[in-house]
Amino acid sequence: MISSLEIQGYRGFERFELSGLGRVNLLVGTNNSGKTSILESIFLLMSAGDPASLWQVLSRRGERLVTELATSPVTFRIEAEVRHLFSGHEILEGSRFALSATSQTSQRSIAFVVTETSLNPKTFVETADRGGIPLRGLALDVTGHPPAAIPRIPLTHTGGAPRAI
């Protein structure tokens, strides 16, 4: 049972702490006050950074990008728009959100940090207008206790997380 929860930089919360939690808790607030974000943060924390859970959170809110792939015939890919996870809704190198919870017997934590990474042709889709010149890419580095299921989630050139993660 979680006795306290701390949220930093997640969605509308720059810093939020909820303590004194019991077996049954009631979240009350006006629309758009962060009730769902609190529940999502617990879900992400308990999933140990599993990319499928991240995709589920974003998909449930309709935060998806549809991108056209440079192939013939024209095909599309759906990506999770991760910028909405961050306070300020921007994906910049160093953007970060962190979640932690404490119970009577243990503590869990997870942090998602946007980092620069070199492009891997197998991971990132190169478009024809880039002329084959490698560009820098971004990824979400995931750390925590217990360790993250997947420590790095590559982001596409549009800043989305591909469905295949």
N, C-alpha and C. Protein backbone atom coordinates (compact mmCIF):
# COMPACT_ATOMS: atom_id res chain seq x y z
N MET A 1 0.84 -1.18 0.00
CA MET A 1 0.00 0.00 0.00
C MET A 1 0.89 1.25 0.00
N ILE A 2 0.62 2.14 -0.90
CA ILE A 2 1.39 3.39 -1.00
C ILE A 2 0.98 4.33 0.13
N SER A 3 1.97 4.86 0.85
CA SER A 3 1.67 5.82 1.91
C SER A 3 1.96 7.25 1.49
N SER A 4 2.85 7.44 0.49
CA SER A 4 3.11 8.79 -0.03
C SER A 4 3.53 8.70 -1.49
N LEU A 5 3.28 9.79 -2.22
CA LEU A 5 3.58 9.87 -3.64
C LEU A 5 4.18 11.23 -3.92
N GLU A 6 5.25 11.26 -4.72
CA GLU A 6 5.86 12.52 -5.12
C GLU A 6 5.96 12.56 -6.65
N ILE A 7 5.54 13.69 -7.22
CA ILE A 7 5.54 13.89 -8.66
C ILE A 7 6.33 15.16 -8.96
N GLN A 8 7.28 15.07 -9.89
CA GLN A 8 8.08 16.24 -10.30
C GLN A 8 8.09 16.34 -11.81
N GLY A 9 7.60 17.46 -12.34
CA GLY A 9 7.68 17.73 -13.77
C GLY A 9 6.77 16.90 -14.65
N TYR A 10 5.77 16.27 -14.07
CA TYR A 10 4.86 15.43 -14.85
C TYR A 10 3.57 16.19 -15.15
N ARG A 11 3.27 16.31 -16.44
CA ARG A 11 2.07 16.99 -16.92
C ARG A 11 1.92 18.36 -16.27
N GLY A 12 0.87 18.61 -15.54
CA GLY A 12 0.64 19.93 -14.94
C GLY A 12 1.32 20.15 -13.60
N PHE A 13 2.09 19.17 -13.15
CA PHE A 13 2.71 19.26 -11.83
C PHE A 13 4.20 19.58 -11.94
N GLU A 14 4.59 20.76 -11.51
CA GLU A 14 6.03 21.05 -11.38
C GLU A 14 6.58 20.23 -10.22
N ARG A 15 5.88 20.28 -9.11
CA ARG A 15 6.24 19.50 -7.93
C ARG A 15 4.96 19.30 -7.11
N PHE A 16 4.68 18.04 -6.79
CA PHE A 16 3.46 17.71 -6.06
C PHE A 16 3.76 16.55 -5.12
N GLU A 17 3.29 16.65 -3.91
CA GLU A 17 3.48 15.58 -2.94
C GLU A 17 2.15 15.27 -2.27
N LEU A 18 1.88 13.98 -2.16
CA LEU A 18 0.66 13.50 -1.54
C LEU A 18 1.10 12.52 -0.45
N SER A 19 0.79 12.85 0.81
CA SER A 19 1.21 11.96 1.90
C SER A 19 0.01 11.60 2.77
N GLY A 20 0.23 10.66 3.65
CA GLY A 20 -0.83 10.21 4.53
C GLY A 20 -1.88 9.37 3.84
N LEU A 21 -1.48 8.68 2.78
CA LEU A 21 -2.43 7.84 2.04
C LEU A 21 -2.78 6.60 2.84
N GLY A 22 -3.99 6.13 2.71
CA GLY A 22 -4.45 4.94 3.42
C GLY A 22 -4.92 3.87 2.45
N ARG A 23 -5.67 2.91 2.99
CA ARG A 23 -6.17 1.81 2.16
C ARG A 23 -7.17 2.31 1.12
N VAL A 24 -7.96 3.32 1.47
CA VAL A 24 -8.94 3.91 0.55
C VAL A 24 -8.68 5.41 0.52
N ASN A 25 -8.57 5.97 -0.70
CA ASN A 25 -8.31 7.40 -0.85
C ASN A 25 -9.28 7.95 -1.88
N LEU A 26 -9.67 9.19 -1.71
CA LEU A 26 -10.61 9.83 -2.61
C LEU A 26 -9.94 11.07 -3.20
N LEU A 27 -9.86 11.11 -4.53
CA LEU A 27 -9.31 12.28 -5.22
C LEU A 27 -10.48 13.13 -5.70
N VAL A 28 -10.52 14.37 -5.27
CA VAL A 28 -11.60 15.27 -5.62
C VAL A 28 -11.00 16.54 -6.18
N GLY A 29 -11.59 17.06 -7.24
CA GLY A 29 -11.13 18.32 -7.81
C GLY A 29 -11.93 18.67 -9.03
N THR A 30 -11.78 19.90 -9.47
CA THR A 30 -12.48 20.35 -10.67
C THR A 30 -11.88 19.68 -11.90
N ASN A 31 -12.55 19.83 -13.02
CA ASN A 31 -12.01 19.31 -14.28
C ASN A 31 -10.65 19.93 -14.54
N ASN A 32 -9.74 19.12 -15.09
CA ASN A 32 -8.39 19.57 -15.46
C ASN A 32 -7.55 20.02 -14.27
N SER A 33 -7.78 19.40 -13.11
CA SER A 33 -6.99 19.76 -11.92
C SER A 33 -5.87 18.77 -11.64
N GLY A 34 -5.83 17.63 -12.37
CA GLY A 34 -4.73 16.69 -12.22
C GLY A 34 -5.08 15.35 -11.61
N LYS A 35 -6.35 15.06 -11.40
CA LYS A 35 -6.73 13.78 -10.79
C LYS A 35 -6.26 12.59 -11.64
N THR A 36 -6.51 12.65 -12.92
CA THR A 36 -6.08 11.56 -13.82
C THR A 36 -4.57 11.49 -13.89
N SER A 37 -3.90 12.63 -13.88
CA SER A 37 -2.43 12.63 -13.91
C SER A 37 -1.84 11.92 -12.69
N ILE A 38 -2.47 12.06 -11.54
CA ILE A 38 -2.01 11.36 -10.34
C ILE A 38 -2.14 9.85 -10.54
N LEU A 39 -3.28 9.41 -11.05
CA LEU A 39 -3.48 7.98 -11.29
C LEU A 39 -2.51 7.45 -12.35
N GLU A 40 -2.30 8.24 -13.41
CA GLU A 40 -1.33 7.84 -14.44
C GLU A 40 0.07 7.71 -13.87
N SER A 41 0.44 8.64 -13.00
CA SER A 41 1.80 8.59 -12.43
C SER A 41 2.00 7.32 -11.61
N ILE A 42 0.99 6.90 -10.88
CA ILE A 42 1.08 5.65 -10.12
C ILE A 42 1.20 4.47 -11.07
N PHE A 43 0.42 4.48 -12.14
CA PHE A 43 0.48 3.41 -13.14
C PHE A 43 1.87 3.31 -13.77
N LEU A 44 2.44 4.46 -14.19
CA LEU A 44 3.78 4.46 -14.79
C LEU A 44 4.83 4.01 -13.79
N LEU A 45 4.70 4.44 -12.56
CA LEU A 45 5.65 4.07 -11.52
C LEU A 45 5.62 2.56 -11.27
N MET A 46 4.46 1.99 -11.20
CA MET A 46 4.34 0.56 -10.93
C MET A 46 4.73 -0.29 -12.14
N SER A 47 4.71 0.29 -13.34
CA SER A 47 5.08 -0.47 -14.55
C SER A 47 6.59 -0.51 -14.77
N ALA A 48 7.35 0.16 -13.92
CA ALA A 48 8.82 0.20 -14.02
C ALA A 48 9.29 0.71 -15.38
N GLY A 49 8.56 1.67 -15.94
CA GLY A 49 9.00 2.27 -17.19
C GLY A 49 8.75 1.44 -18.43
N ASP A 50 7.88 0.46 -18.34
CA ASP A 50 7.57 -0.37 -19.50
C ASP A 50 7.00 0.52 -20.61
N PRO A 51 7.64 0.53 -21.80
CA PRO A 51 7.17 1.39 -22.88
C PRO A 51 5.71 1.14 -23.28
N ALA A 52 5.23 -0.08 -23.15
CA ALA A 52 3.83 -0.36 -23.48
C ALA A 52 2.90 0.41 -22.54
N SER A 53 3.28 0.56 -21.29
CA SER A 53 2.48 1.32 -20.33
C SER A 53 2.49 2.81 -20.67
N LEU A 54 3.64 3.29 -21.08
CA LEU A 54 3.77 4.69 -21.50
C LEU A 54 2.85 4.94 -22.70
N TRP A 55 2.88 4.03 -23.66
CA TRP A 55 2.04 4.15 -24.85
C TRP A 55 0.57 4.10 -24.47
N GLN A 56 0.23 3.24 -23.52
CA GLN A 56 -1.17 3.11 -23.09
C GLN A 56 -1.67 4.41 -22.47
N VAL A 57 -0.86 5.04 -21.63
CA VAL A 57 -1.24 6.31 -21.00
C VAL A 57 -1.50 7.37 -22.06
N LEU A 58 -0.59 7.48 -23.03
CA LEU A 58 -0.72 8.50 -24.06
C LEU A 58 -1.88 8.19 -25.01
N SER A 59 -2.05 6.95 -25.36
CA SER A 59 -3.11 6.55 -26.28
C SER A 59 -4.49 6.78 -25.67
N ARG A 60 -4.63 6.51 -24.38
CA ARG A 60 -5.91 6.68 -23.71
C ARG A 60 -6.40 8.13 -23.79
N ARG A 61 -5.46 9.07 -23.80
CA ARG A 61 -5.83 10.49 -23.89
C ARG A 61 -5.87 10.99 -25.33
N GLY A 62 -5.60 10.12 -26.28
CA GLY A 62 -5.61 10.52 -27.68
C GLY A 62 -4.39 11.33 -28.08
N GLU A 63 -3.30 11.20 -27.35
CA GLU A 63 -2.07 11.95 -27.62
C GLU A 63 -1.19 11.14 -28.57
N ARG A 64 -1.60 11.17 -29.84
CA ARG A 64 -0.90 10.40 -30.86
C ARG A 64 -0.57 11.30 -32.04
N LEU A 65 0.50 10.96 -32.72
CA LEU A 65 0.89 11.60 -33.97
C LEU A 65 0.72 10.59 -35.08
N VAL A 66 0.28 11.04 -36.23
CA VAL A 66 0.23 10.18 -37.40
C VAL A 66 1.23 10.75 -38.39
N THR A 67 2.23 9.94 -38.74
CA THR A 67 3.26 10.42 -39.67
C THR A 67 3.24 9.56 -40.92
N GLU A 68 3.54 10.22 -42.03
CA GLU A 68 3.62 9.53 -43.30
C GLU A 68 5.04 9.03 -43.49
N LEU A 69 5.19 7.78 -43.82
CA LEU A 69 6.50 7.21 -44.09
C LEU A 69 6.85 7.41 -45.56
N ALA A 70 8.11 7.63 -45.83
CA ALA A 70 8.55 7.85 -47.21
C ALA A 70 8.72 6.52 -47.92
N THR A 71 7.61 5.85 -48.14
CA THR A 71 7.64 4.57 -48.84
C THR A 71 6.54 4.56 -49.89
N SER A 72 6.59 3.61 -50.75
CA SER A 72 5.56 3.50 -51.77
C SER A 72 4.97 2.10 -51.66
N PRO A 73 3.71 1.88 -51.59
CA PRO A 73 2.68 2.91 -51.52
C PRO A 73 2.74 3.66 -50.20
N VAL A 74 2.04 4.77 -50.13
CA VAL A 74 2.07 5.62 -48.94
C VAL A 74 1.56 4.85 -47.74
N THR A 75 2.34 4.85 -46.68
CA THR A 75 1.93 4.20 -45.44
C THR A 75 2.09 5.20 -44.30
N PHE A 76 1.40 4.93 -43.23
CA PHE A 76 1.43 5.83 -42.08
C PHE A 76 1.84 5.05 -40.84
N ARG A 77 2.40 5.79 -39.90
CA ARG A 77 2.77 5.20 -38.61
C ARG A 77 2.16 6.06 -37.52
N ILE A 78 1.66 5.41 -36.50
CA ILE A 78 1.12 6.13 -35.36
C ILE A 78 2.18 6.13 -34.27
N GLU A 79 2.43 7.31 -33.70
CA GLU A 79 3.42 7.47 -32.64
C GLU A 79 2.75 8.10 -31.43
N ALA A 80 3.24 7.79 -30.25
CA ALA A 80 2.78 8.43 -29.03
C ALA A 80 3.47 9.78 -28.90
N GLU A 81 2.69 10.82 -28.66
CA GLU A 81 3.23 12.18 -28.56
C GLU A 81 3.67 12.43 -27.12
N VAL A 82 4.93 12.15 -26.82
CA VAL A 82 5.43 12.17 -25.45
C VAL A 82 5.58 13.56 -24.84
N ARG A 83 5.55 14.61 -25.64
CA ARG A 83 5.76 15.95 -25.08
C ARG A 83 4.73 16.31 -24.02
N HIS A 84 3.52 15.74 -24.10
CA HIS A 84 2.49 16.07 -23.13
C HIS A 84 2.76 15.47 -21.74
N LEU A 85 3.70 14.56 -21.65
CA LEU A 85 4.05 13.99 -20.35
C LEU A 85 4.83 14.97 -19.49
N PHE A 86 5.47 15.94 -20.13
CA PHE A 86 6.37 16.85 -19.43
C PHE A 86 5.66 18.16 -19.08
N SER A 87 5.93 18.65 -17.90
CA SER A 87 5.42 19.96 -17.51
C SER A 87 5.97 20.98 -18.51
N GLY A 88 5.13 21.80 -19.09
CA GLY A 88 5.55 22.72 -20.13
C GLY A 88 5.32 22.17 -21.52
N HIS A 89 5.06 20.88 -21.65
CA HIS A 89 4.72 20.22 -22.92
C HIS A 89 5.76 20.44 -24.01
N GLU A 90 7.04 20.42 -23.64
CA GLU A 90 8.12 20.53 -24.62
C GLU A 90 9.08 19.37 -24.46
N ILE A 91 9.64 18.93 -25.60
CA ILE A 91 10.68 17.91 -25.57
C ILE A 91 11.99 18.60 -25.91
N LEU A 92 12.73 18.90 -24.89
CA LEU A 92 14.05 19.50 -25.06
C LEU A 92 15.06 18.61 -24.35
N GLU A 93 16.28 18.61 -24.84
CA GLU A 93 17.31 17.84 -24.15
C GLU A 93 17.37 18.30 -22.70
N GLY A 94 17.30 17.36 -21.79
CA GLY A 94 17.32 17.66 -20.36
C GLY A 94 15.94 17.74 -19.73
N SER A 95 14.86 17.78 -20.55
CA SER A 95 13.51 17.74 -19.98
C SER A 95 13.38 16.47 -19.16
N ARG A 96 12.67 16.57 -18.02
CA ARG A 96 12.66 15.45 -17.09
C ARG A 96 11.36 15.43 -16.31
N PHE A 97 10.89 14.22 -16.01
CA PHE A 97 9.87 14.07 -14.97
C PHE A 97 10.23 12.85 -14.14
N ALA A 98 9.90 12.95 -12.86
CA ALA A 98 10.26 11.89 -11.92
C ALA A 98 9.06 11.59 -11.02
N LEU A 99 8.93 10.32 -10.69
CA LEU A 99 7.83 9.84 -9.85
C LEU A 99 8.41 8.95 -8.77
N SER A 100 7.89 9.07 -7.56
CA SER A 100 8.34 8.16 -6.50
C SER A 100 7.21 7.92 -5.52
N ALA A 101 7.23 6.75 -4.91
CA ALA A 101 6.22 6.36 -3.94
C ALA A 101 6.89 5.60 -2.81
N THR A 102 6.34 5.78 -1.64
CA THR A 102 6.85 5.10 -0.46
C THR A 102 5.72 4.31 0.17
N SER A 103 6.07 3.11 0.63
CA SER A 103 5.14 2.32 1.42
C SER A 103 5.84 2.01 2.74
N GLN A 104 5.19 1.28 3.59
CA GLN A 104 5.80 0.94 4.88
C GLN A 104 7.02 0.05 4.71
N THR A 105 7.09 -0.71 3.63
CA THR A 105 8.18 -1.67 3.47
C THR A 105 9.16 -1.36 2.34
N SER A 106 8.80 -0.45 1.41
CA SER A 106 9.68 -0.22 0.28
C SER A 106 9.48 1.16 -0.32
N GLN A 107 10.36 1.48 -1.27
CA GLN A 107 10.24 2.72 -2.02
C GLN A 107 10.47 2.41 -3.49
N ARG A 108 9.70 3.05 -4.36
CA ARG A 108 9.84 2.90 -5.81
C ARG A 108 10.07 4.28 -6.38
N SER A 109 10.86 4.34 -7.46
CA SER A 109 11.08 5.61 -8.14
C SER A 109 11.34 5.35 -9.62
N ILE A 110 11.03 6.35 -10.42
CA ILE A 110 11.32 6.29 -11.84
C ILE A 110 11.50 7.70 -12.35
N ALA A 111 12.44 7.87 -13.28
CA ALA A 111 12.67 9.17 -13.90
C ALA A 111 12.81 8.98 -15.40
N PHE A 112 12.21 9.88 -16.15
CA PHE A 112 12.29 9.90 -17.61
C PHE A 112 13.01 11.19 -17.99
N VAL A 113 14.13 11.08 -18.69
CA VAL A 113 14.93 12.25 -19.07
C VAL A 113 15.17 12.22 -20.58
N VAL A 114 14.92 13.35 -21.24
CA VAL A 114 15.18 13.45 -22.67
C VAL A 114 16.67 13.67 -22.86
N THR A 115 17.30 12.80 -23.64
CA THR A 115 18.73 12.90 -23.91
C THR A 115 18.98 12.89 -25.40
N GLU A 116 20.14 13.41 -25.78
CA GLU A 116 20.55 13.38 -27.18
C GLU A 116 21.24 12.06 -27.43
N THR A 117 21.01 11.51 -28.60
CA THR A 117 21.62 10.25 -28.97
C THR A 117 21.97 10.31 -30.45
N SER A 118 22.92 9.52 -30.87
CA SER A 118 23.21 9.45 -32.30
C SER A 118 22.15 8.59 -32.96
N LEU A 119 21.84 8.92 -34.19
CA LEU A 119 20.80 8.18 -34.90
C LEU A 119 21.29 6.80 -35.29
N ASN A 120 20.44 5.84 -35.09
CA ASN A 120 20.69 4.47 -35.50
C ASN A 120 19.75 4.20 -36.67
N PRO A 121 20.28 3.92 -37.87
CA PRO A 121 19.40 3.74 -39.03
C PRO A 121 18.35 2.66 -38.84
N LYS A 122 18.60 1.71 -37.96
CA LYS A 122 17.62 0.66 -37.73
C LYS A 122 16.48 1.15 -36.83
N THR A 123 16.72 2.21 -36.09
CA THR A 123 15.73 2.70 -35.14
C THR A 123 14.95 3.89 -35.67
N PHE A 124 15.63 4.80 -36.35
CA PHE A 124 15.01 6.04 -36.79
C PHE A 124 14.76 6.01 -38.29
N VAL A 125 13.64 6.53 -38.68
CA VAL A 125 13.28 6.58 -40.09
C VAL A 125 13.92 7.80 -40.71
N GLU A 126 14.73 7.59 -41.74
CA GLU A 126 15.34 8.70 -42.49
C GLU A 126 14.40 9.09 -43.61
N THR A 127 14.15 10.38 -43.76
CA THR A 127 13.30 10.83 -44.85
C THR A 127 14.17 11.32 -45.99
N ALA A 128 13.59 11.35 -47.20
CA ALA A 128 14.35 11.70 -48.39
C ALA A 128 14.91 13.11 -48.33
N ASP A 129 14.20 14.03 -47.68
CA ASP A 129 14.66 15.42 -47.66
C ASP A 129 15.88 15.62 -46.76
N ARG A 130 16.29 14.64 -46.02
CA ARG A 130 17.49 14.77 -45.19
C ARG A 130 18.76 14.51 -45.99
N GLY A 131 18.63 13.95 -47.17
CA GLY A 131 19.80 13.72 -48.01
C GLY A 131 20.80 12.74 -47.43
N GLY A 132 20.36 11.89 -46.53
CA GLY A 132 21.26 10.89 -45.96
C GLY A 132 22.24 11.43 -44.94
N ILE A 133 22.15 12.73 -44.59
CA ILE A 133 23.06 13.31 -43.59
C ILE A 133 22.54 12.93 -42.20
N PRO A 134 23.36 12.28 -41.40
CA PRO A 134 22.89 11.89 -40.07
C PRO A 134 22.58 13.13 -39.22
N LEU A 135 21.44 13.11 -38.58
CA LEU A 135 21.04 14.17 -37.67
C LEU A 135 21.00 13.63 -36.25
N ARG A 136 21.10 14.52 -35.30
CA ARG A 136 21.01 14.05 -33.92
C ARG A 136 19.59 13.62 -33.62
N GLY A 137 19.46 12.72 -32.71
CA GLY A 137 18.16 12.23 -32.32
C GLY A 137 17.96 12.40 -30.82
N LEU A 138 16.76 12.16 -30.39
CA LEU A 138 16.45 12.24 -28.97
C LEU A 138 15.92 10.89 -28.51
N ALA A 139 16.11 10.64 -27.24
CA ALA A 139 15.61 9.42 -26.62
C ALA A 139 15.15 9.75 -25.21
N LEU A 140 14.34 8.88 -24.65
CA LEU A 140 13.96 8.98 -23.25
C LEU A 140 14.81 7.98 -22.48
N ASP A 141 15.66 8.47 -21.60
CA ASP A 141 16.40 7.58 -20.71
C ASP A 141 15.55 7.35 -19.48
N VAL A 142 15.41 6.09 -19.10
CA VAL A 142 14.54 5.71 -18.00
C VAL A 142 15.38 5.05 -16.91
N THR A 143 15.36 5.64 -15.72
CA THR A 143 16.08 5.07 -14.58
C THR A 143 15.12 4.95 -13.41
N GLY A 144 15.45 4.06 -12.49
CA GLY A 144 14.59 3.95 -11.32
C GLY A 144 14.95 2.79 -10.44
N HIS A 145 14.15 2.66 -9.41
CA HIS A 145 14.28 1.56 -8.47
C HIS A 145 12.90 0.96 -8.28
N PRO A 146 12.68 -0.27 -8.67
CA PRO A 146 13.60 -1.19 -9.31
C PRO A 146 14.00 -0.69 -10.70
N PRO A 147 15.07 -1.27 -11.26
CA PRO A 147 15.56 -0.79 -12.55
C PRO A 147 14.47 -0.85 -13.64
N ALA A 148 14.57 0.09 -14.56
CA ALA A 148 13.59 0.19 -15.64
C ALA A 148 13.64 -1.05 -16.54
N ALA A 149 12.48 -1.43 -17.05
CA ALA A 149 12.39 -2.59 -17.94
C ALA A 149 13.22 -2.37 -19.19
N ILE A 150 13.15 -1.17 -19.77
CA ILE A 150 13.94 -0.79 -20.94
C ILE A 150 14.54 0.58 -20.62
N PRO A 151 15.88 0.67 -20.53
CA PRO A 151 16.51 1.91 -20.05
C PRO A 151 16.53 3.06 -21.05
N ARG A 152 16.27 2.82 -22.33
CA ARG A 152 16.27 3.90 -23.32
C ARG A 152 15.16 3.65 -24.34
N ILE A 153 14.32 4.67 -24.53
CA ILE A 153 13.24 4.61 -25.50
C ILE A 153 13.56 5.63 -26.58
N PRO A 154 13.87 5.19 -27.80
CA PRO A 154 14.19 6.14 -28.87
C PRO A 154 12.96 6.93 -29.28
N LEU A 155 13.17 8.20 -29.62
CA LEU A 155 12.10 9.04 -30.14
C LEU A 155 12.35 9.30 -31.62
N THR A 156 11.29 9.46 -32.37
CA THR A 156 11.43 9.73 -33.79
C THR A 156 11.79 11.19 -34.02
N HIS A 157 12.05 11.56 -35.29
CA HIS A 157 12.41 12.94 -35.60
C HIS A 157 11.27 13.91 -35.31
N THR A 158 10.04 13.41 -35.15
CA THR A 158 8.92 14.27 -34.81
C THR A 158 8.72 14.36 -33.29
N GLY A 159 9.54 13.63 -32.53
CA GLY A 159 9.42 13.66 -31.08
C GLY A 159 8.42 12.67 -30.52
N GLY A 160 8.05 11.71 -31.33
CA GLY A 160 7.10 10.69 -30.88
C GLY A 160 7.79 9.39 -30.53
N ALA A 161 7.09 8.57 -29.78
CA ALA A 161 7.58 7.23 -29.47
C ALA A 161 6.84 6.26 -30.39
N PRO A 162 7.59 5.56 -31.25
CA PRO A 162 6.92 4.64 -32.18
C PRO A 162 6.20 3.52 -31.45
N ARG A 163 5.14 3.02 -32.04
CA ARG A 163 4.33 1.96 -31.43
C ARG A 163 5.11 0.69 -31.18
N ALA A 164 6.15 0.46 -31.95
CA ALA A 164 6.92 -0.79 -31.86
C ALA A 164 7.86 -0.82 -30.67
N ILE A 165 7.85 0.18 -29.79
CA ILE A 165 8.77 0.18 -28.66
C ILE A 165 8.37 -0.85 -27.63
